[in-house]
Every structure is written in C-alpha cells, then in structure tokens.
Amino acid sequence: MKRRLFLGGGAVVIGLPFLESVTPRLARADAPAVARRLLYMWIPNGVWMDSFRPATVGTDYVMPPSLLSLEAHRADFSIVTGLDNKPGVPDMAGDHGAGTAAFITCIKPLKSETQVQLGISADQIAANGLLKNGVKTRLPSLQLGIDGGGTAGGCDSGYSCAYSRNISWADATTPLPKITDALQAFNRIFQGYDPTASAADVAKRQAYDKSVLDHVTGDIASLHGRLGKTDQLKLDQYLSGVRALELSLTNSASMAACVKGAPPPNNVGDYRTHVKLMLDVIAMAFQCDATRVVSFMLGNAGSNQSYPFLMANGAPITGAHHEISHHGGNATNIAQLQAINTWTFEQVAYLLEKLKAVPDGSDGASLLTNSAIVVSSDVSDGNNHGHTDMPVLLAGHGGGALKPGQHVRYGAAVAAPSWKSKPPSSNVPLANLMLTTVATLGVTGTPVGDSTATLPEV
C-alpha cells in the first residue's frame, strides 16, 4: 500500500493524511521521503514597515507591533527584510500592477492593457519540478484568492488586469486563474477523477444535503478496522475536520454571498468568514495531500477592501485599504494601516496554528514543520511604492531545510520613519528567497526570475 491513501474513486476522492499503520514495514525501514509543501500568500498594498521591521537581527529581536499575534509561533517563522524586487518597478506609474505580477515570477511585466508578457512563477516551477521528480498529487497546484475578476482590460496605469489579479503564471502569457469561491475550492479538492460525474455528483449531493463522506462510508469502515489505535484516532479527527469544514461552507447563512464569489466590500461578516474559510481550505488541501503547492491572494492589486470591524484610535476604520496605504505620514492613516496590518498577520497566525496542530509523519512533525510559507506584498511601503526592503514573512521549517526563529536583514539597517525615502538597494533579489523555497521541495536547477543563488541564512 502507498504511503498516501485515497478513499473513493470516480465521483469523490478523499485523500488521507499519513497513517503509519498502513505503511509497509519495508517502506518504514527505507524512511520514505517527507511530503513537503509550499504556500505563497500575497497581501495587498504593502505594510507599515516601521511596525513590521525589528530593530535588531538574530533570534533575540523584539517582536514588532504588527506581528504580536505571531509571538507564540516565534520558533516557526522568520522575518526577512532588505530584499529587492526590482522587476516590480513599473515603467512610470503602475507599481501595484507591476509589483503583483512580479511577486513570485520576479520578472518585469510588459506594460500593456491588451498584451501580457511575463514568465513562469515560482509555484509553477515547483509544481513542474515535483512532477519531474515523480511526485504526483491529484492537483499539481491550487490557486486561491478572495477577489475575482477577469484578465481583460487595464487595472493599473496601463498594466493589464491579468497582472493585478493573478500571481501564478504557467508561462509568459498564461496566468492561472484563482478560485475565489471557498465551496468551489472544497469541491475541487474532493471531486473524483471523472469531471463530468463529479460535477453532477456535487449538484446532487448539495441538493440532498449529503456529505462527500457519504460516498466512502464503506471504505472508511474497511480501513478503520485495519488501523492501530493512534491512527484510528487520527483518521476520526481528520474526517471530522472534513465534515466540519463542509458544513461551514454549505450551511452557514453568513456565507450566502461569500461562497458565490467575492463578498460585497462592506459586508463585514462575509469578508472575515471568507478569509478564514479559505485558510481552512488551504490547511485541508495540505492535510489530505491533494496538492503540495498553493498560491493565495488576499485581494487584488490596489485592493480597496474596507475594514469597519477594526478600530484605530477608538474609532472604526471607515476608509478603504488602498487609500489608507497612501498615508502621507498622517497619524490617523498610519494608525488605521497598522490596525489593518495587525489583523492581516492575525490571519497568518491562525493558519500557522492550524498547520502546527496536524501531525505529519511518524517523527513528531506537523504540517507546519514540513511546509514553507512565504507572505509578502506588491510593494514595501504603500505610500512611496517601494520595491526595495520588501516585507517578507517566511514561515515553516521546510522539512528541515529552513532556519526559522530569526530576523534576517539584507543590506544596511533602515531607521524610522522609513516611508519618507525608499531604502537603498541591498542588491539581493527577492527571487533568491523564492528559489530557496522551491528548493525545499527538492526542486533545483531552474532559476526563478532574476535569482542568482539560494539564501543559506534563512
């Protein structure tokens, strides 16, 4: 039997987490390779760098204000500052569109509203490399997001909407559209090998309020009796998690708008629920080994998402994110931007907590141990549209390939207030970090954008 098992077949396929009981003795002796995972998470409009960048480097840094929710996970992530993403610098205006296009391609986009020219992104280099190395998952990669929209037309100062609404690119002219409907993403993970049968099954299942698990009850019972007690408990917990997420997606009244696409910008409950459920879907996709490569956009370039559920200086935030990010040094705008950044990284903390709670393998590892997660943005400071000193949070241990728990800085130290002028270039490309994370999956030999080498420090 294979290290990873599946229940079902044609209409529904339930991937299973690692179960030691069904790993052949020979395979245990041979210590099969750890399944490693990779997530690129893009956040819009940069961050207030003076509340993101620690004052000191190394392991003893003081946690900056925007990242306080991550204190409990200090040993599981690093803050990386000083990296340049020069390909994101636009021709004249268009920093958000160009910066988003260059996020994980690290390639300068052609400025045009009718023609796109970019290049393959890091996640697709990783996915292709896994296939070349004989690692096959049901989904080679999964592209997710919060806001939808087509690729036609212009979205930022002469740059195509394809650049603003996609971070995953199969090649120079092919953006990979993202799924913004959380229920659709769930169905994508658990649909079977027959797309036609799966589509019909999904409609019928939801019409009769049935679960994906109803299709595999016989397989579950058969497998359960062959497992040891520890794996029986693991299987029960996993299947309960699948059903809980499915119920959240199908039965929650607050998701009525969310599951049909991007929620209305002022619909407070839907936006927060939408983000949380998308993070739950990512964790489930990794846990059931449906895919090992995911990209996630927390909005589109220049996002004007509103955050009326957040407070700054004792008042609700009534403005839109992009407008607030052009703070101009205004104290009210800065306080609001810090509140938005803090909430954003609280969502990252939520995801890390979920991944850390899921055992993965027989050596006490977790999904977080065996994952590499990059969180960054299109620009550094949203006011000056910088593409040097990019804000990067690198989480997970990459199966032992990474060195989390530190602040790594490239180039000279930057003093506050840093928004008044763009920090000097370190001449260390962000692409080197992308190359490093792709390598955690055992994929080497293919450059990422303008990369020159991996980063041994991280």
Foldseek 3Di string as FASTA:
>chain_A
DDQWDWFDFAFWIFTAFGAPLPDDPVCVVVVDDFQFFEEEEAEAQAAQVVQCAFQDWWQPTDRGPLQPLCVVVLQFWAWEWFAFLVLLDADPWFSLLQLQQCVFLSFNWDQAQAATFTFAGLLLLLLVLCVVVVNDFLDSEAEAEQAADDQHGDDIDRHTVLSFQAHGANTGGRGDGHDNQLLVLLLVLTTHPHVVSNVVCVVVCLVVVHDSVVNRVVVLVVVLVSHDPVSNVLRVVLVVLSVVLNCLRRPDPLCPQRNVGHHDLPSASNLVSSLLSNLSSVLNCLRSVNYRGYYYYHATYLFQRAHQVWDFPRHGTDGGQLVLLLVVPPPRSNRVSSRVSSVVSSSVSVSLVSQQVADHDDPRGTNLQSYWYKYWYSAHRSNQSHRTTTTIMIGGCLNVQDRGSIYHYADDRADPPRPVDHDDHSPQHPQLCSQSRSCSSVRDDDGRHPHDHHDSVD
